[in-house]
Protein backbone atom coordinates (compact mmCIF):
# COMPACT_ATOMS: atom_id res chain seq x y z
CA MET A 1 -146.96 69.98 -169.52
CA ASN A 2 -144.57 67.74 -169.42
CA THR A 3 -142.64 67.53 -166.03
CA ARG A 4 -139.67 65.36 -165.44
CA THR A 5 -137.91 64.92 -161.63
CA PHE A 6 -134.24 65.98 -161.92
CA ARG A 7 -132.69 66.23 -158.03
CA ASN A 8 -135.79 64.95 -156.37
CA LYS A 9 -136.67 68.09 -157.86
CA LYS A 10 -140.12 68.82 -159.96
CA LEU A 11 -138.59 70.04 -163.43
CA ILE A 12 -141.49 71.82 -165.63
CA ASP A 13 -142.67 71.76 -169.24
CA ARG A 14 -138.88 72.41 -170.60
CA ASP A 15 -139.37 70.46 -173.84
CA LYS A 16 -138.75 73.04 -176.63
CA GLU A 17 -135.40 73.68 -174.49
CA ILE A 18 -134.47 70.54 -174.31
CA ASN A 19 -135.14 69.38 -178.00
CA PHE A 20 -133.36 72.51 -179.21
CA PHE A 21 -130.33 71.61 -177.41
CA LEU A 22 -130.48 68.12 -178.38
CA ASP A 23 -131.21 69.15 -182.20
CA TRP A 24 -128.26 71.25 -181.89
CA PHE A 25 -126.12 69.08 -180.85
CA ASN A 26 -126.86 66.59 -183.30
CA GLN A 27 -125.79 69.05 -186.22
CA LEU A 28 -122.12 69.78 -187.63
CA PRO A 29 -120.46 72.94 -185.42
CA GLU A 30 -120.80 75.99 -186.92
CA LEU A 31 -121.70 78.55 -184.25
CA ILE A 32 -120.78 79.13 -180.78
CA LEU A 33 -124.29 78.63 -178.96
CA TRP A 34 -124.38 81.88 -176.27
CA VAL A 35 -127.87 80.50 -173.38
CA TYR A 36 -128.88 83.79 -171.86
CA GLY A 37 -132.22 84.81 -170.41
CA PRO A 38 -133.13 86.10 -166.61
CA LYS A 39 -132.02 85.21 -163.50
CA SER A 40 -133.30 82.04 -161.91
CA SER A 41 -134.69 81.18 -165.53
CA GLY A 42 -133.56 77.85 -165.32
CA LYS A 43 -130.86 77.76 -167.43
CA THR A 44 -127.92 75.85 -165.52
CA THR A 45 -130.61 73.63 -164.47
CA LEU A 46 -131.58 72.74 -167.65
CA ILE A 47 -128.30 72.05 -169.36
CA GLU A 48 -127.78 69.66 -166.30
CA TYR A 49 -130.69 67.85 -167.23
CA VAL A 50 -129.45 67.77 -170.35
CA VAL A 51 -125.69 67.00 -170.06
CA GLU A 52 -127.11 64.12 -167.42
CA LYS A 53 -129.88 62.40 -168.32
CA GLU A 54 -130.61 63.88 -172.16
CA LEU A 55 -126.77 62.65 -173.42
CA PHE A 56 -125.75 59.94 -171.09
CA GLU A 57 -126.55 56.34 -170.28
CA ASP A 58 -125.61 56.00 -167.17
CA PHE A 59 -123.50 59.42 -166.22
CA GLU A 60 -122.30 57.71 -162.66
CA ASN A 61 -119.90 55.87 -164.50
CA LEU A 62 -120.17 58.18 -167.59
CA LYS A 63 -120.93 55.76 -170.57
CA PRO A 64 -123.07 58.33 -172.75
CA LYS A 65 -125.96 57.44 -175.16
CA GLY A 66 -123.97 57.93 -178.56
CA ASN A 67 -120.15 59.05 -178.82
CA TRP A 68 -120.36 62.66 -176.84
CA TRP A 69 -117.27 63.42 -175.76
CA VAL A 70 -119.01 66.31 -173.13
CA LYS A 71 -116.95 69.10 -170.81
CA TYR A 72 -118.59 71.32 -168.36
CA ILE A 73 -117.12 73.79 -166.80
CA ASN A 74 -119.04 75.85 -164.65
CA LEU A 75 -117.03 78.38 -163.02
CA ARG A 76 -120.40 80.19 -160.92
CA GLY A 77 -118.44 77.17 -158.83
CA TYR A 78 -114.67 78.88 -158.63
CA LEU A 79 -112.84 81.90 -157.87
CA VAL A 80 -110.43 83.01 -160.94
CA SER A 81 -109.21 85.59 -160.04
CA ASN A 82 -106.53 85.37 -162.27
CA TYR A 83 -104.80 83.21 -164.92
CA ASN A 84 -103.60 79.95 -162.24
CA SER A 85 -106.23 80.26 -160.47
CA PHE A 86 -108.39 79.21 -164.55
CA LEU A 87 -106.19 76.83 -165.38
CA GLU A 88 -106.58 75.04 -161.16
CA ALA A 89 -110.24 75.35 -162.80
CA ILE A 90 -110.15 73.51 -165.65
CA LEU A 91 -107.23 71.06 -165.91
CA THR A 92 -106.11 68.14 -163.78
CA PRO A 93 -102.92 65.72 -164.57
CA GLN A 94 -103.22 62.50 -164.87
CA LYS A 95 -101.15 59.84 -162.38
CA GLU A 96 -99.69 57.32 -164.21
CA GLY A 97 -98.88 54.12 -162.64
CA LYS A 98 -101.15 54.64 -159.57
CA LYS A 99 -103.95 53.62 -159.23
CA GLU A 100 -107.05 57.00 -159.47
CA GLU A 101 -109.54 57.62 -156.35
CA LYS A 102 -113.09 57.40 -157.95
CA LEU A 103 -113.95 61.23 -158.47
CA SER A 104 -117.48 62.76 -158.89
CA ALA A 105 -119.21 62.34 -162.55
CA SER A 106 -119.44 66.30 -162.26
CA PHE A 107 -116.06 66.46 -161.30
CA ASN A 108 -114.72 64.67 -164.51
CA ILE A 109 -116.26 65.80 -166.35
CA GLY A 110 -115.76 69.53 -165.59
CA VAL A 111 -112.18 69.22 -165.90
CA PHE A 112 -109.60 68.82 -168.95
CA ASN A 113 -107.44 65.89 -167.65
CA ILE A 114 -103.66 65.59 -168.86
CA LYS A 115 -100.36 64.56 -168.63
CA ALA A 116 -98.37 66.15 -165.37
CA GLU A 117 -95.62 67.16 -167.58
CA LEU A 118 -97.94 68.75 -169.59
CA LEU A 119 -99.62 70.88 -167.12
CA ASN A 120 -96.70 71.64 -165.83
CA GLU A 121 -95.37 73.30 -169.39
CA VAL A 122 -98.96 74.82 -169.79
CA LYS A 123 -98.68 76.03 -166.10
CA ASN A 124 -95.21 77.64 -166.62
CA LYS A 125 -96.42 79.11 -170.11
CA GLU A 126 -93.99 76.60 -172.40
CA LYS A 127 -97.05 75.77 -173.33
CA ASP A 128 -99.74 77.34 -174.66
CA LEU A 129 -102.59 76.23 -173.31
CA PHE A 130 -105.24 76.82 -176.20
CA LYS A 131 -103.05 74.53 -179.04
CA VAL A 132 -103.29 71.87 -176.01
CA LEU A 133 -106.36 71.81 -175.38
CA MET A 134 -107.24 71.80 -179.87
CA GLU A 135 -104.67 68.74 -179.79
CA GLU A 136 -106.30 66.80 -176.56
CA ILE A 137 -109.87 67.51 -178.53
CA GLN A 138 -108.58 66.44 -181.70
CA ASN A 139 -107.50 63.23 -180.53
CA ARG A 140 -111.27 62.50 -179.61
CA THR A 141 -112.71 63.17 -182.82
CA LYS A 142 -109.95 60.82 -183.85
CA LYS A 143 -111.17 57.99 -181.80
CA ASN A 144 -114.76 58.89 -183.47
CA ARG A 145 -116.36 61.04 -180.31
CA GLN A 146 -118.16 64.66 -180.52
CA PRO A 147 -116.82 66.52 -177.93
CA ILE A 148 -118.69 69.41 -177.27
CA ILE A 149 -117.71 71.74 -174.20
CA ILE A 150 -120.01 73.69 -171.65
CA ILE A 151 -119.22 77.03 -170.13
CA ASP A 152 -121.49 78.37 -167.15
CA GLU A 153 -120.71 82.00 -165.93
CA ILE A 154 -117.56 82.55 -168.66
CA GLN A 155 -117.86 86.30 -167.65
CA THR A 156 -115.68 85.50 -164.37
CA LEU A 157 -112.54 85.43 -166.83
CA GLU A 158 -112.65 88.97 -168.04
CA ASP A 159 -109.83 91.57 -166.73
CA ILE A 160 -107.81 88.37 -166.26
CA TYR A 161 -104.44 88.58 -168.51
CA ILE A 162 -101.89 85.62 -169.36
CA ASN A 163 -98.44 87.10 -169.25
CA GLY A 164 -99.72 90.74 -168.66
CA ASP A 165 -100.67 91.31 -171.66
CA ARG A 166 -103.14 88.56 -173.73
CA GLU A 167 -106.35 89.41 -171.99
CA LEU A 168 -107.67 85.53 -171.32
CA LEU A 169 -111.68 86.06 -171.76
CA LYS A 170 -110.31 86.86 -175.31
CA GLU A 171 -108.23 84.28 -176.51
CA PHE A 172 -111.06 81.83 -175.16
CA LEU A 173 -113.37 83.51 -177.60
CA ASN A 174 -110.89 82.97 -180.04
CA PHE A 175 -110.54 79.23 -179.43
CA CYS A 176 -114.02 78.78 -179.10
CA VAL A 177 -114.61 80.50 -182.55
CA ARG A 178 -111.89 77.77 -183.69
CA LEU A 179 -113.39 74.86 -182.79
CA THR A 180 -116.82 76.05 -183.94
CA LYS A 181 -116.84 77.81 -187.06
CA GLU A 182 -113.00 77.51 -188.14
CA THR A 183 -112.72 73.64 -187.46
CA HIS A 184 -116.00 72.41 -186.38
CA LEU A 185 -114.43 70.25 -184.27
CA SER A 186 -116.18 70.57 -181.01
CA HIS A 187 -119.86 72.19 -180.39
CA VAL A 188 -119.24 75.15 -177.61
CA VAL A 189 -122.66 76.16 -175.49
CA ILE A 190 -121.90 79.15 -173.35
CA LEU A 191 -124.39 79.89 -170.07
CA SER A 192 -124.56 83.96 -168.79
CA SER A 193 -127.31 85.80 -166.35
CA ASN A 194 -125.05 88.76 -167.34
CA THR A 195 -127.50 90.56 -170.05
CA VAL A 196 -124.71 93.21 -170.09
CA PHE A 197 -121.68 91.11 -170.87
CA ILE A 198 -124.38 89.46 -173.12
CA ASP A 199 -124.91 92.53 -175.05
CA ARG A 200 -121.26 93.36 -175.49
CA ILE A 201 -120.99 89.80 -177.79
CA TYR A 202 -124.24 90.20 -178.92
CA ASN A 203 -122.79 94.22 -180.07
CA ASP A 204 -118.50 92.79 -181.13
CA ALA A 205 -118.93 92.19 -184.78
CA LYS A 206 -116.45 89.47 -185.44
CA LEU A 207 -118.37 87.06 -182.17
CA LYS A 208 -122.26 88.46 -183.77
CA LYS A 209 -121.31 86.11 -186.99
CA THR A 210 -119.51 83.17 -185.53
CA SER A 211 -122.60 83.44 -182.69
CA LYS A 212 -126.46 81.94 -182.56
CA PHE A 213 -128.26 83.48 -179.05
CA PHE A 214 -130.40 81.33 -177.92
CA LYS A 215 -132.92 82.19 -174.53
CA VAL A 216 -134.57 80.61 -171.66
CA ASP A 217 -136.65 82.41 -170.03
CA HIS A 218 -140.24 82.01 -167.11
CA LEU A 219 -143.47 79.44 -168.42
CA ASP A 220 -145.29 81.11 -169.74
CA LYS A 221 -148.85 81.80 -167.85
CA SER A 222 -150.39 78.38 -169.62
CA ILE A 223 -148.10 76.49 -167.64
CA VAL A 224 -148.31 77.69 -164.92
CA VAL A 225 -151.94 77.62 -164.67
CA GLU A 226 -151.77 73.62 -165.48
CA TRP A 227 -148.84 73.05 -163.06
CA LEU A 228 -150.30 74.74 -160.01
CA SER A 229 -154.10 73.31 -161.10
CA SER A 230 -151.78 69.97 -160.82
CA GLU A 231 -151.18 70.61 -156.82
CA GLY A 232 -154.62 71.58 -156.23
CA TYR A 233 -154.48 75.63 -156.24
CA THR A 234 -157.81 77.40 -156.83
CA GLU A 235 -158.14 80.27 -159.94
CA GLU A 236 -158.66 82.71 -157.87
CA GLU A 237 -155.24 81.94 -155.79
CA ILE A 238 -153.31 81.10 -159.14
CA ASN A 239 -154.38 84.24 -160.70
CA LEU A 240 -153.05 85.54 -157.25
CA ILE A 241 -149.85 84.03 -157.21
CA TYR A 242 -149.23 84.75 -160.80
CA ASP A 243 -149.35 88.54 -160.58
CA TYR A 244 -147.02 88.76 -158.13
CA LEU A 245 -144.74 85.83 -158.87
CA GLY A 246 -144.57 85.47 -162.58
CA GLY A 247 -143.41 82.01 -164.39
CA CYS A 248 -140.25 82.64 -161.85
CA ILE A 249 -140.21 78.43 -161.35
CA PRO A 250 -137.33 79.14 -157.34
CA ASP A 251 -139.77 81.72 -156.41
CA ILE A 252 -143.48 79.69 -157.00
CA GLN A 253 -141.64 76.93 -155.04
CA ARG A 254 -140.18 78.65 -152.42
CA MET A 255 -143.95 80.33 -152.09
CA MET A 256 -145.11 76.80 -152.09
CA PHE A 257 -142.35 76.00 -149.29
CA GLU A 258 -142.92 79.30 -147.08
CA LYS A 259 -146.78 80.04 -147.20
CA LYS A 260 -147.62 78.07 -144.73
CA GLU A 261 -145.95 80.85 -142.16
CA PHE A 262 -147.87 83.74 -143.43
CA LYS A 263 -151.94 84.10 -142.51
CA THR A 264 -152.80 84.31 -145.59
CA LEU A 265 -151.35 83.81 -149.82
CA LYS A 266 -151.84 87.49 -150.19
CA GLU A 267 -150.23 89.30 -147.10
CA TYR A 268 -147.29 86.39 -147.83
CA LEU A 269 -146.97 87.93 -151.93
CA GLU A 270 -147.40 91.43 -150.35
CA HIS A 271 -144.14 90.19 -148.11
CA ARG A 272 -141.70 89.47 -151.19
CA ALA A 273 -143.09 92.73 -153.13
CA PHE A 274 -142.04 94.03 -149.71
CA LEU A 275 -138.28 92.93 -150.13
CA ALA A 276 -137.90 93.94 -153.58
CA TYR A 277 -139.47 97.05 -153.25
CA THR A 278 -137.34 97.92 -150.13
CA GLU A 279 -133.93 95.77 -152.83
CA MET A 280 -134.72 98.72 -155.02
CA VAL A 281 -135.14 101.54 -152.14
CA ASP A 282 -131.67 100.43 -150.63
CA LEU A 283 -129.62 101.29 -154.73
CA LEU A 284 -131.95 104.27 -154.56
CA THR A 285 -131.08 106.15 -151.21
CA ASN A 286 -127.43 105.22 -151.78
CA GLU A 287 -126.95 106.91 -155.07
CA GLU A 288 -126.13 110.72 -154.40
CA ASP A 289 -127.09 112.33 -157.85
CA PHE A 290 -131.35 113.23 -158.63
CA ASN A 291 -130.76 112.73 -161.88
CA LYS A 292 -130.41 108.70 -161.90
CA ARG A 293 -132.88 107.80 -158.97
CA LYS A 294 -135.14 109.79 -161.64
CA ILE A 295 -134.00 108.39 -164.43
CA PHE A 296 -134.65 104.45 -162.55
CA LYS A 297 -137.63 105.55 -161.34
CA GLU A 298 -138.87 106.45 -165.56
CA ILE A 299 -138.14 103.66 -166.93
CA ALA A 300 -139.30 101.44 -163.53
CA LYS A 301 -143.05 103.73 -164.53
CA GLU A 302 -142.91 102.45 -168.14
CA ILE A 303 -142.67 98.94 -167.41
CA VAL A 304 -145.89 99.37 -164.60
CA LYS A 305 -147.85 100.81 -167.29
CA ASN A 306 -147.04 99.33 -170.50
CA GLY A 307 -144.46 95.93 -169.08
CA ARG A 308 -141.25 97.05 -170.35
CA PHE A 309 -139.63 99.49 -171.31
CA ILE A 310 -137.81 100.10 -175.08
CA ALA A 311 -134.30 100.93 -174.82
CA LYS A 312 -133.63 102.52 -178.67
CA GLU A 313 -130.17 102.68 -179.63
CA GLU A 314 -131.08 106.60 -179.65
CA LEU A 315 -131.12 106.58 -176.11
CA PRO A 316 -128.76 109.18 -173.95
CA THR A 317 -125.48 107.06 -172.74
CA GLN A 318 -126.81 108.04 -168.69
CA VAL A 319 -129.82 105.72 -169.20
CA LYS A 320 -127.75 102.84 -171.00
CA LYS A 321 -126.09 103.03 -167.76
CA ILE A 322 -128.36 102.99 -165.29
CA ILE A 323 -129.55 100.05 -166.85
CA ASN A 324 -126.63 98.26 -166.99
CA PHE A 325 -125.88 98.82 -163.32
CA TYR A 326 -129.97 98.38 -162.49
CA ALA A 327 -128.99 94.72 -164.58
CA GLU A 328 -126.06 94.28 -162.41
CA LYS A 329 -127.06 93.96 -159.86
CA GLU A 330 -130.33 91.70 -161.33
CA ILE A 331 -133.24 93.61 -160.11
CA LEU A 332 -133.36 94.74 -164.22
CA PHE A 333 -133.34 92.11 -167.54
CA TYR A 334 -131.68 93.39 -170.96
CA ASP A 335 -132.61 91.39 -173.39
CA PRO A 336 -130.24 92.40 -176.23
CA LEU A 337 -131.55 91.14 -178.74
CA THR A 338 -135.38 92.64 -178.18
CA LEU A 339 -134.03 95.88 -175.96
CA GLU A 340 -136.21 95.04 -174.27
CA VAL A 341 -135.71 95.91 -170.02
CA LYS A 342 -138.41 94.08 -167.49
CA GLY A 343 -137.96 93.46 -163.95
CA ASN A 344 -135.10 90.42 -163.89
CA SER A 345 -138.21 88.90 -162.55
CA ARG A 346 -142.04 89.65 -161.96
CA ILE A 347 -141.79 89.98 -158.34
CA TYR A 348 -139.66 92.71 -158.77
CA GLU A 349 -142.24 94.79 -161.12
CA LYS A 350 -144.52 94.42 -158.43
CA GLY A 351 -142.17 96.02 -155.89
CA MET A 352 -141.44 98.60 -158.28
CA GLU A 353 -144.94 99.35 -157.94
CA LYS A 354 -145.10 100.55 -154.86
CA LEU A 355 -141.97 103.03 -155.58
CA LYS A 356 -143.17 106.49 -155.71
CA LEU A 357 -143.37 107.37 -159.47
């Protein structure tokens, strides 16, 4: 187990994922890379670590280790409700002839800095946004720089239109295909925890042919055992923790901080399982359709019994809708590549054990 420190927290055993990203970036851009996985599996932390520690020699002063030119746009931090708010999230004007205030490195790699006049033309729809971005990226490649564009939570662009008729998300994804598959100008990495959205992408014939899907999952038990052993936990305690929390790093770190508030470790873990249970009960209670409640309980029963539910292609539409609903509520995790449905984290599966199944 290789442990790194990142932002004063431990980054546990991510060599495989880090090496995958570095190998990917050192290849010719060919495909869009979709990074998906359960909530709190560490996707965002991992990609931020790779950017700041592996691609940059000095991140704060924007000195890359090689010829990288990175733009990392985390849409989670913005209220993107229309086209103009999207432009404000990714574009900023150059201030010519003025001494610019020092902005954080995170801000600088999160926006495209273009001439103020050009920015106004884009906002007024006199210039096409994606043609402007393409020219900016082409200019970087002419200077022997290798662009990497990373977008986190791109599904926030759904239901936003340009000029009332062009879908922003569709136009953006077409732009990503041009950057990778067609021109090989730039790597494009897209992260999402919304597997219902990933499922739609995976089943889109054009995007499937132009995409690679990479899953970032919770830690394997062997890593959890090694980690918790190094923290002084006994074998009995580790087995108990893994039974309730699995390999979810934030849940385990939270346990380390909060368990002292309870008499025993078992009492704390039971408390967390009860909270997961009540979250599901609230949703089931608010569901007036008895058949929908029954379907979820049948899925939960299968997960408790076999560790997973298989969302076969021939499943009735209503069952798929129930899976999608609870996946969007981040209670279930649906993997569109394997068709497996599990709890979004182990604690939800422990909560399912408390349901009347």
